[in-house]
Amino acid sequence: MTDIDPIEQQNRIQQNRIRDGVEMGYVMIGTSFFSLDIITIVLGSIVTLGCCCASEYQLSKKSKRWATITVVIAVAKFITLGIYVGLFFSTFSEVFDKIEEMDENSNFDDGISPDISGQFTTIFSVGIINVILTIMSVVFACLYTFDRG
């Protein structure tokens, strides 16, 4: 049985520490990019809390902080996505009602009411917020994956 040099053993520990969680980081980047927010939340929580397969990870506080921020942003994305979908169906329901009303009255000079055009602006704004959160989520997942210090 060969004795391992303590310096070499320390180098191996350091190399393992650098690689800990990198695979999960790659998956978090992909799920953040493709807006699979629930998977991002679960993986980030596993890394942040150190449970399951991440229980033996030796992550620095900075790496855990990046993972925590990624989880918080993914939760915000999930909430804005729910708001976006709700506004979308609500607005288009009103648009279809307005179209039926216009067909019944045969008066096409009214146009779209200001309420509906305001809702389109709201939908657009929530969509832009969701895109910004997606970019932020990918950036912080990349920081978790590649910023090992």
N, C-alpha and C. Protein backbone atom coordinates (compact mmCIF):
# COMPACT_ATOMS: atom_id res chain seq x y z
N MET A 1 0.84 -1.17 0.00
CA MET A 1 0.00 0.00 0.00
C MET A 1 0.88 1.23 0.00
N THR A 2 0.63 2.13 -0.94
CA THR A 2 1.48 3.31 -1.07
C THR A 2 0.92 4.44 -0.23
N ASP A 3 1.83 5.17 0.35
CA ASP A 3 1.43 6.36 1.11
C ASP A 3 1.27 7.53 0.16
N ILE A 4 0.22 8.28 0.36
CA ILE A 4 -0.02 9.44 -0.48
C ILE A 4 0.59 10.65 0.21
N ASP A 5 1.32 11.39 -0.57
CA ASP A 5 1.95 12.61 -0.08
C ASP A 5 0.86 13.58 0.41
N PRO A 6 1.02 14.19 1.58
CA PRO A 6 -0.02 15.10 2.09
C PRO A 6 -0.29 16.28 1.17
N ILE A 7 0.71 16.75 0.48
CA ILE A 7 0.51 17.86 -0.47
C ILE A 7 -0.34 17.39 -1.64
N GLU A 8 -0.03 16.17 -2.13
CA GLU A 8 -0.82 15.62 -3.24
C GLU A 8 -2.26 15.37 -2.81
N GLN A 9 -2.44 14.90 -1.59
CA GLN A 9 -3.79 14.67 -1.06
C GLN A 9 -4.55 16.00 -0.97
N GLN A 10 -3.87 17.03 -0.50
CA GLN A 10 -4.50 18.36 -0.42
C GLN A 10 -4.89 18.86 -1.81
N ASN A 11 -4.04 18.62 -2.80
CA ASN A 11 -4.34 19.03 -4.18
C ASN A 11 -5.56 18.29 -4.72
N ARG A 12 -5.67 16.99 -4.40
CA ARG A 12 -6.84 16.22 -4.84
C ARG A 12 -8.12 16.73 -4.19
N ILE A 13 -8.04 17.06 -2.92
CA ILE A 13 -9.22 17.61 -2.23
C ILE A 13 -9.62 18.92 -2.88
N GLN A 14 -8.64 19.76 -3.19
CA GLN A 14 -8.92 21.05 -3.82
C GLN A 14 -9.54 20.85 -5.20
N GLN A 15 -9.03 19.89 -5.98
CA GLN A 15 -9.60 19.63 -7.30
C GLN A 15 -11.03 19.13 -7.20
N ASN A 16 -11.30 18.25 -6.23
CA ASN A 16 -12.68 17.77 -6.04
C ASN A 16 -13.59 18.91 -5.62
N ARG A 17 -13.07 19.80 -4.77
CA ARG A 17 -13.87 20.95 -4.33
C ARG A 17 -14.24 21.84 -5.51
N ILE A 18 -13.31 22.01 -6.43
CA ILE A 18 -13.58 22.84 -7.60
C ILE A 18 -14.64 22.19 -8.48
N ARG A 19 -14.63 20.86 -8.58
CA ARG A 19 -15.58 20.16 -9.45
C ARG A 19 -16.94 19.91 -8.80
N ASP A 20 -17.04 20.04 -7.49
CA ASP A 20 -18.30 19.77 -6.79
C ASP A 20 -19.42 20.66 -7.33
N GLY A 21 -20.47 20.04 -7.78
CA GLY A 21 -21.66 20.76 -8.21
C GLY A 21 -21.62 21.34 -9.60
N VAL A 22 -20.55 21.12 -10.33
CA VAL A 22 -20.44 21.70 -11.68
C VAL A 22 -21.49 21.09 -12.61
N GLU A 23 -21.71 19.78 -12.50
CA GLU A 23 -22.71 19.14 -13.37
C GLU A 23 -24.10 19.72 -13.09
N MET A 24 -24.41 19.90 -11.81
CA MET A 24 -25.70 20.50 -11.47
C MET A 24 -25.77 21.93 -12.00
N GLY A 25 -24.65 22.60 -11.99
CA GLY A 25 -24.60 23.96 -12.52
C GLY A 25 -24.94 24.00 -14.00
N TYR A 26 -24.40 23.03 -14.76
CA TYR A 26 -24.72 22.97 -16.19
C TYR A 26 -26.22 22.74 -16.40
N VAL A 27 -26.79 21.87 -15.60
CA VAL A 27 -28.23 21.61 -15.72
C VAL A 27 -29.03 22.86 -15.32
N MET A 28 -28.57 23.56 -14.28
CA MET A 28 -29.26 24.78 -13.86
C MET A 28 -29.20 25.85 -14.95
N ILE A 29 -28.08 25.94 -15.67
CA ILE A 29 -27.98 26.89 -16.77
C ILE A 29 -29.00 26.54 -17.85
N GLY A 30 -29.07 25.25 -18.21
CA GLY A 30 -30.01 24.82 -19.25
C GLY A 30 -31.46 25.03 -18.84
N THR A 31 -31.78 24.67 -17.61
CA THR A 31 -33.18 24.82 -17.18
C THR A 31 -33.55 26.29 -17.01
N SER A 32 -32.59 27.12 -16.65
CA SER A 32 -32.86 28.56 -16.56
C SER A 32 -33.09 29.14 -17.94
N PHE A 33 -32.27 28.71 -18.90
CA PHE A 33 -32.38 29.24 -20.26
C PHE A 33 -33.70 28.86 -20.91
N PHE A 34 -34.13 27.61 -20.70
CA PHE A 34 -35.36 27.14 -21.32
C PHE A 34 -36.58 27.33 -20.42
N SER A 35 -36.45 28.13 -19.36
CA SER A 35 -37.54 28.48 -18.44
C SER A 35 -38.22 27.26 -17.82
N LEU A 36 -37.43 26.29 -17.45
CA LEU A 36 -37.94 25.15 -16.69
C LEU A 36 -37.71 25.46 -15.22
N ASP A 37 -38.47 26.42 -14.72
CA ASP A 37 -38.20 27.05 -13.44
C ASP A 37 -38.31 26.08 -12.25
N ILE A 38 -39.24 25.16 -12.30
CA ILE A 38 -39.40 24.25 -11.16
C ILE A 38 -38.16 23.38 -11.01
N ILE A 39 -37.59 22.92 -12.12
CA ILE A 39 -36.37 22.12 -12.05
C ILE A 39 -35.22 22.96 -11.52
N THR A 40 -35.12 24.21 -11.98
CA THR A 40 -34.08 25.10 -11.49
C THR A 40 -34.22 25.32 -9.99
N ILE A 41 -35.45 25.51 -9.52
CA ILE A 41 -35.70 25.72 -8.10
C ILE A 41 -35.30 24.49 -7.30
N VAL A 42 -35.66 23.30 -7.78
CA VAL A 42 -35.34 22.07 -7.05
C VAL A 42 -33.83 21.86 -6.99
N LEU A 43 -33.15 21.97 -8.14
CA LEU A 43 -31.70 21.75 -8.16
C LEU A 43 -30.96 22.79 -7.31
N GLY A 44 -31.36 24.04 -7.45
CA GLY A 44 -30.72 25.10 -6.66
C GLY A 44 -30.95 24.91 -5.17
N SER A 45 -32.13 24.45 -4.81
CA SER A 45 -32.41 24.19 -3.39
C SER A 45 -31.59 23.02 -2.87
N ILE A 46 -31.43 22.00 -3.68
CA ILE A 46 -30.59 20.87 -3.27
C ILE A 46 -29.16 21.33 -3.01
N VAL A 47 -28.64 22.16 -3.91
CA VAL A 47 -27.27 22.65 -3.74
C VAL A 47 -27.18 23.58 -2.54
N THR A 48 -28.13 24.50 -2.41
CA THR A 48 -28.09 25.49 -1.34
C THR A 48 -28.22 24.84 0.03
N LEU A 49 -29.15 23.90 0.15
CA LEU A 49 -29.40 23.26 1.44
C LEU A 49 -28.45 22.10 1.72
N GLY A 50 -27.76 21.62 0.69
CA GLY A 50 -26.81 20.53 0.88
C GLY A 50 -27.48 19.20 1.18
N CYS A 51 -28.62 18.94 0.59
CA CYS A 51 -29.30 17.66 0.83
C CYS A 51 -29.12 16.74 -0.37
N CYS A 52 -29.57 15.53 -0.23
CA CYS A 52 -29.50 14.50 -1.29
C CYS A 52 -28.08 14.32 -1.79
N CYS A 53 -27.92 14.45 -3.10
CA CYS A 53 -26.62 14.19 -3.71
C CYS A 53 -25.62 15.30 -3.46
N ALA A 54 -26.07 16.44 -2.96
CA ALA A 54 -25.17 17.57 -2.70
C ALA A 54 -24.69 17.60 -1.26
N SER A 55 -24.99 16.57 -0.49
CA SER A 55 -24.62 16.59 0.93
C SER A 55 -23.11 16.51 1.14
N GLU A 56 -22.39 15.95 0.19
CA GLU A 56 -20.94 15.85 0.34
C GLU A 56 -20.19 16.93 -0.41
N TYR A 57 -20.90 17.85 -1.03
CA TYR A 57 -20.24 18.93 -1.75
C TYR A 57 -19.55 19.86 -0.75
N GLN A 58 -18.38 20.29 -1.10
CA GLN A 58 -17.65 21.25 -0.29
C GLN A 58 -17.63 22.57 -1.04
N LEU A 59 -18.76 23.26 -1.01
CA LEU A 59 -18.89 24.50 -1.75
C LEU A 59 -18.51 25.69 -0.89
N SER A 60 -17.94 26.69 -1.54
CA SER A 60 -17.63 27.92 -0.82
C SER A 60 -18.93 28.69 -0.58
N LYS A 61 -18.88 29.62 0.34
CA LYS A 61 -20.07 30.43 0.63
C LYS A 61 -20.49 31.22 -0.60
N LYS A 62 -19.52 31.63 -1.40
CA LYS A 62 -19.83 32.40 -2.60
C LYS A 62 -20.61 31.55 -3.60
N SER A 63 -20.20 30.30 -3.78
CA SER A 63 -20.92 29.41 -4.70
C SER A 63 -22.34 29.16 -4.22
N LYS A 64 -22.50 28.94 -2.91
CA LYS A 64 -23.85 28.74 -2.37
C LYS A 64 -24.69 30.00 -2.53
N ARG A 65 -24.08 31.16 -2.40
CA ARG A 65 -24.81 32.41 -2.58
C ARG A 65 -25.31 32.54 -4.02
N TRP A 66 -24.45 32.18 -5.00
CA TRP A 66 -24.89 32.24 -6.40
C TRP A 66 -26.07 31.29 -6.64
N ALA A 67 -26.02 30.11 -6.05
CA ALA A 67 -27.11 29.15 -6.20
C ALA A 67 -28.39 29.68 -5.55
N THR A 68 -28.25 30.30 -4.39
CA THR A 68 -29.42 30.86 -3.69
C THR A 68 -30.06 31.98 -4.52
N ILE A 69 -29.24 32.85 -5.08
CA ILE A 69 -29.77 33.93 -5.92
C ILE A 69 -30.47 33.36 -7.14
N THR A 70 -29.90 32.30 -7.72
CA THR A 70 -30.53 31.66 -8.88
C THR A 70 -31.91 31.12 -8.50
N VAL A 71 -32.03 30.52 -7.32
CA VAL A 71 -33.32 29.99 -6.86
C VAL A 71 -34.32 31.12 -6.67
N VAL A 72 -33.90 32.20 -6.05
CA VAL A 72 -34.81 33.33 -5.81
C VAL A 72 -35.31 33.90 -7.14
N ILE A 73 -34.42 34.05 -8.10
CA ILE A 73 -34.82 34.57 -9.41
C ILE A 73 -35.75 33.59 -10.12
N ALA A 74 -35.48 32.28 -10.00
CA ALA A 74 -36.36 31.28 -10.63
C ALA A 74 -37.76 31.33 -10.02
N VAL A 75 -37.84 31.56 -8.72
CA VAL A 75 -39.16 31.70 -8.07
C VAL A 75 -39.87 32.93 -8.61
N ALA A 76 -39.14 34.04 -8.74
CA ALA A 76 -39.74 35.26 -9.29
C ALA A 76 -40.19 35.04 -10.74
N LYS A 77 -39.38 34.31 -11.52
CA LYS A 77 -39.78 33.99 -12.90
C LYS A 77 -41.05 33.16 -12.93
N PHE A 78 -41.15 32.19 -12.04
CA PHE A 78 -42.32 31.32 -11.98
C PHE A 78 -43.57 32.15 -11.66
N ILE A 79 -43.44 33.07 -10.72
CA ILE A 79 -44.58 33.93 -10.35
C ILE A 79 -44.97 34.83 -11.52
N THR A 80 -43.98 35.46 -12.16
CA THR A 80 -44.32 36.34 -13.30
C THR A 80 -44.90 35.55 -14.46
N LEU A 81 -44.46 34.31 -14.64
CA LEU A 81 -45.04 33.49 -15.69
C LEU A 81 -46.51 33.20 -15.42
N GLY A 82 -46.85 32.93 -14.15
CA GLY A 82 -48.25 32.73 -13.78
C GLY A 82 -49.09 33.99 -14.02
N ILE A 83 -48.53 35.14 -13.66
CA ILE A 83 -49.23 36.41 -13.91
C ILE A 83 -49.40 36.62 -15.41
N TYR A 84 -48.36 36.34 -16.18
CA TYR A 84 -48.40 36.51 -17.62
C TYR A 84 -49.49 35.65 -18.26
N VAL A 85 -49.55 34.40 -17.87
CA VAL A 85 -50.55 33.48 -18.43
C VAL A 85 -51.96 33.94 -18.04
N GLY A 86 -52.13 34.34 -16.78
CA GLY A 86 -53.44 34.82 -16.33
C GLY A 86 -53.88 36.06 -17.09
N LEU A 87 -52.97 37.01 -17.26
CA LEU A 87 -53.30 38.22 -18.03
C LEU A 87 -53.60 37.90 -19.49
N PHE A 88 -52.84 36.98 -20.04
CA PHE A 88 -53.03 36.60 -21.44
C PHE A 88 -54.44 36.06 -21.67
N PHE A 89 -54.85 35.09 -20.86
CA PHE A 89 -56.18 34.51 -21.05
C PHE A 89 -57.29 35.50 -20.72
N SER A 90 -57.08 36.32 -19.72
CA SER A 90 -58.07 37.33 -19.37
C SER A 90 -58.27 38.33 -20.50
N THR A 91 -57.17 38.82 -21.05
CA THR A 91 -57.25 39.82 -22.12
C THR A 91 -57.87 39.25 -23.38
N PHE A 92 -57.44 38.06 -23.77
CA PHE A 92 -58.00 37.51 -24.99
C PHE A 92 -59.44 37.06 -24.82
N SER A 93 -59.84 36.75 -23.63
CA SER A 93 -61.25 36.49 -23.37
C SER A 93 -62.06 37.77 -23.61
N GLU A 94 -61.52 38.90 -23.13
CA GLU A 94 -62.21 40.17 -23.35
C GLU A 94 -62.21 40.56 -24.83
N VAL A 95 -61.12 40.27 -25.52
CA VAL A 95 -61.06 40.58 -26.96
C VAL A 95 -62.11 39.77 -27.71
N PHE A 96 -62.24 38.50 -27.42
CA PHE A 96 -63.24 37.68 -28.10
C PHE A 96 -64.65 38.14 -27.77
N ASP A 97 -64.88 38.55 -26.51
CA ASP A 97 -66.20 39.11 -26.16
C ASP A 97 -66.47 40.37 -26.95
N LYS A 98 -65.45 41.21 -27.10
CA LYS A 98 -65.61 42.46 -27.86
C LYS A 98 -65.90 42.16 -29.33
N ILE A 99 -65.24 41.16 -29.88
CA ILE A 99 -65.48 40.78 -31.27
C ILE A 99 -66.91 40.29 -31.45
N GLU A 100 -67.40 39.46 -30.52
CA GLU A 100 -68.78 38.98 -30.59
C GLU A 100 -69.75 40.15 -30.49
N GLU A 101 -69.44 41.09 -29.61
CA GLU A 101 -70.29 42.26 -29.44
C GLU A 101 -70.29 43.11 -30.71
N MET A 102 -69.13 43.23 -31.37
CA MET A 102 -69.05 44.00 -32.61
C MET A 102 -69.81 43.30 -33.72
N ASP A 103 -69.77 41.96 -33.75
CA ASP A 103 -70.51 41.21 -34.76
C ASP A 103 -72.02 41.40 -34.59
N GLU A 104 -72.47 41.42 -33.33
CA GLU A 104 -73.89 41.59 -33.07
C GLU A 104 -74.36 42.99 -33.46
N ASN A 105 -73.56 43.99 -33.17
CA ASN A 105 -73.96 45.37 -33.46
C ASN A 105 -73.61 45.81 -34.87
N SER A 106 -72.74 45.07 -35.53
CA SER A 106 -72.26 45.41 -36.87
C SER A 106 -71.72 46.83 -36.93
N ASN A 107 -71.12 47.30 -35.84
CA ASN A 107 -70.54 48.62 -35.79
C ASN A 107 -69.04 48.45 -35.55
N PHE A 108 -68.27 48.60 -36.62
CA PHE A 108 -66.84 48.35 -36.52
C PHE A 108 -66.04 49.63 -36.32
N ASP A 109 -66.70 50.76 -36.08
CA ASP A 109 -66.00 52.02 -35.93
C ASP A 109 -65.47 52.24 -34.52
N ASP A 110 -65.91 51.45 -33.56
CA ASP A 110 -65.50 51.65 -32.17
C ASP A 110 -64.03 51.32 -31.94
N GLY A 111 -63.48 50.32 -32.60
CA GLY A 111 -62.10 49.90 -32.39
C GLY A 111 -61.95 49.15 -31.08
N ILE A 112 -60.73 49.03 -30.64
CA ILE A 112 -60.45 48.34 -29.39
C ILE A 112 -60.55 49.34 -28.26
N SER A 113 -61.19 48.94 -27.20
CA SER A 113 -61.37 49.84 -26.06
C SER A 113 -60.03 50.11 -25.39
N PRO A 114 -59.89 51.27 -24.73
CA PRO A 114 -58.63 51.60 -24.06
C PRO A 114 -58.26 50.61 -22.95
N ASP A 115 -59.28 49.98 -22.33
CA ASP A 115 -58.99 49.00 -21.29
C ASP A 115 -58.20 47.82 -21.84
N ILE A 116 -58.62 47.35 -23.01
CA ILE A 116 -57.95 46.19 -23.61
C ILE A 116 -56.56 46.57 -24.10
N SER A 117 -56.40 47.74 -24.70
CA SER A 117 -55.06 48.12 -25.16
C SER A 117 -54.12 48.33 -23.96
N GLY A 118 -54.66 48.80 -22.83
CA GLY A 118 -53.85 48.92 -21.62
C GLY A 118 -53.43 47.55 -21.10
N GLN A 119 -54.32 46.58 -21.25
CA GLN A 119 -53.96 45.23 -20.81
C GLN A 119 -52.88 44.62 -21.70
N PHE A 120 -52.91 44.94 -23.00
CA PHE A 120 -51.84 44.47 -23.88
C PHE A 120 -50.50 45.05 -23.45
N THR A 121 -50.51 46.32 -23.03
CA THR A 121 -49.29 46.96 -22.53
C THR A 121 -48.81 46.26 -21.26
N THR A 122 -49.74 45.90 -20.39
CA THR A 122 -49.37 45.19 -19.16
C THR A 122 -48.79 43.83 -19.49
N ILE A 123 -49.40 43.11 -20.42
CA ILE A 123 -48.88 41.80 -20.83
C ILE A 123 -47.47 41.95 -21.38
N PHE A 124 -47.27 42.95 -22.21
CA PHE A 124 -45.95 43.19 -22.79
C PHE A 124 -44.93 43.50 -21.69
N SER A 125 -45.31 44.32 -20.73
CA SER A 125 -44.40 44.68 -19.63
C SER A 125 -44.03 43.46 -18.79
N VAL A 126 -45.01 42.63 -18.47
CA VAL A 126 -44.72 41.42 -17.68
C VAL A 126 -43.84 40.47 -18.49
N GLY A 127 -44.06 40.40 -19.80
CA GLY A 127 -43.20 39.58 -20.66
C GLY A 127 -41.76 40.06 -20.66
N ILE A 128 -41.57 41.38 -20.72
CA ILE A 128 -40.22 41.95 -20.68
C ILE A 128 -39.56 41.64 -19.34
N ILE A 129 -40.32 41.77 -18.25
CA ILE A 129 -39.78 41.45 -16.92
C ILE A 129 -39.35 39.98 -16.87
N ASN A 130 -40.16 39.10 -17.45
CA ASN A 130 -39.83 37.68 -17.48
C ASN A 130 -38.55 37.42 -18.27
N VAL A 131 -38.36 38.12 -19.39
CA VAL A 131 -37.14 37.96 -20.18
C VAL A 131 -35.92 38.44 -19.39
N ILE A 132 -36.06 39.57 -18.70
CA ILE A 132 -34.96 40.09 -17.88
C ILE A 132 -34.62 39.10 -16.77
N LEU A 133 -35.64 38.54 -16.12
CA LEU A 133 -35.39 37.55 -15.06
C LEU A 133 -34.74 36.29 -15.62
N THR A 134 -35.10 35.90 -16.84
CA THR A 134 -34.48 34.74 -17.47
C THR A 134 -32.99 34.99 -17.68
N ILE A 135 -32.66 36.16 -18.19
CA ILE A 135 -31.25 36.51 -18.41
C ILE A 135 -30.50 36.51 -17.08
N MET A 136 -31.11 37.11 -16.06
CA MET A 136 -30.46 37.14 -14.74
C MET A 136 -30.27 35.74 -14.18
N SER A 137 -31.26 34.88 -14.36
CA SER A 137 -31.18 33.51 -13.86
C SER A 137 -30.03 32.76 -14.54
N VAL A 138 -29.90 32.92 -15.85
CA VAL A 138 -28.81 32.26 -16.58
C VAL A 138 -27.46 32.79 -16.11
N VAL A 139 -27.37 34.11 -15.93
CA VAL A 139 -26.10 34.71 -15.49
C VAL A 139 -25.69 34.18 -14.11
N PHE A 140 -26.63 34.14 -13.17
CA PHE A 140 -26.29 33.67 -11.83
C PHE A 140 -26.03 32.16 -11.80
N ALA A 141 -26.70 31.40 -12.66
CA ALA A 141 -26.40 29.98 -12.75
C ALA A 141 -25.00 29.77 -13.33
N CYS A 142 -24.61 30.62 -14.27
CA CYS A 142 -23.24 30.57 -14.81
C CYS A 142 -22.22 30.95 -13.74
N LEU A 143 -22.55 31.96 -12.94
CA LEU A 143 -21.64 32.34 -11.85
C LEU A 143 -21.48 31.18 -10.86
N TYR A 144 -22.58 30.50 -10.56
CA TYR A 144 -22.49 29.34 -9.66
C TYR A 144 -21.59 28.27 -10.27
N THR A 145 -21.76 28.04 -11.57
CA THR A 145 -21.05 26.94 -12.23
C THR A 145 -19.57 27.23 -12.43
N PHE A 146 -19.26 28.45 -12.86
CA PHE A 146 -17.90 28.74 -13.30
C PHE A 146 -17.07 29.58 -12.32
N ASP A 147 -17.69 30.27 -11.38
CA ASP A 147 -16.94 31.11 -10.44
C ASP A 147 -16.64 30.32 -9.18
N ARG A 148 -15.56 29.56 -9.22
CA ARG A 148 -15.18 28.73 -8.10
C ARG A 148 -14.02 29.39 -7.37
N GLY A 149 -14.30 29.84 -6.17
CA GLY A 149 -13.21 30.49 -5.46
C GLY A 149 -13.27 30.25 -3.98
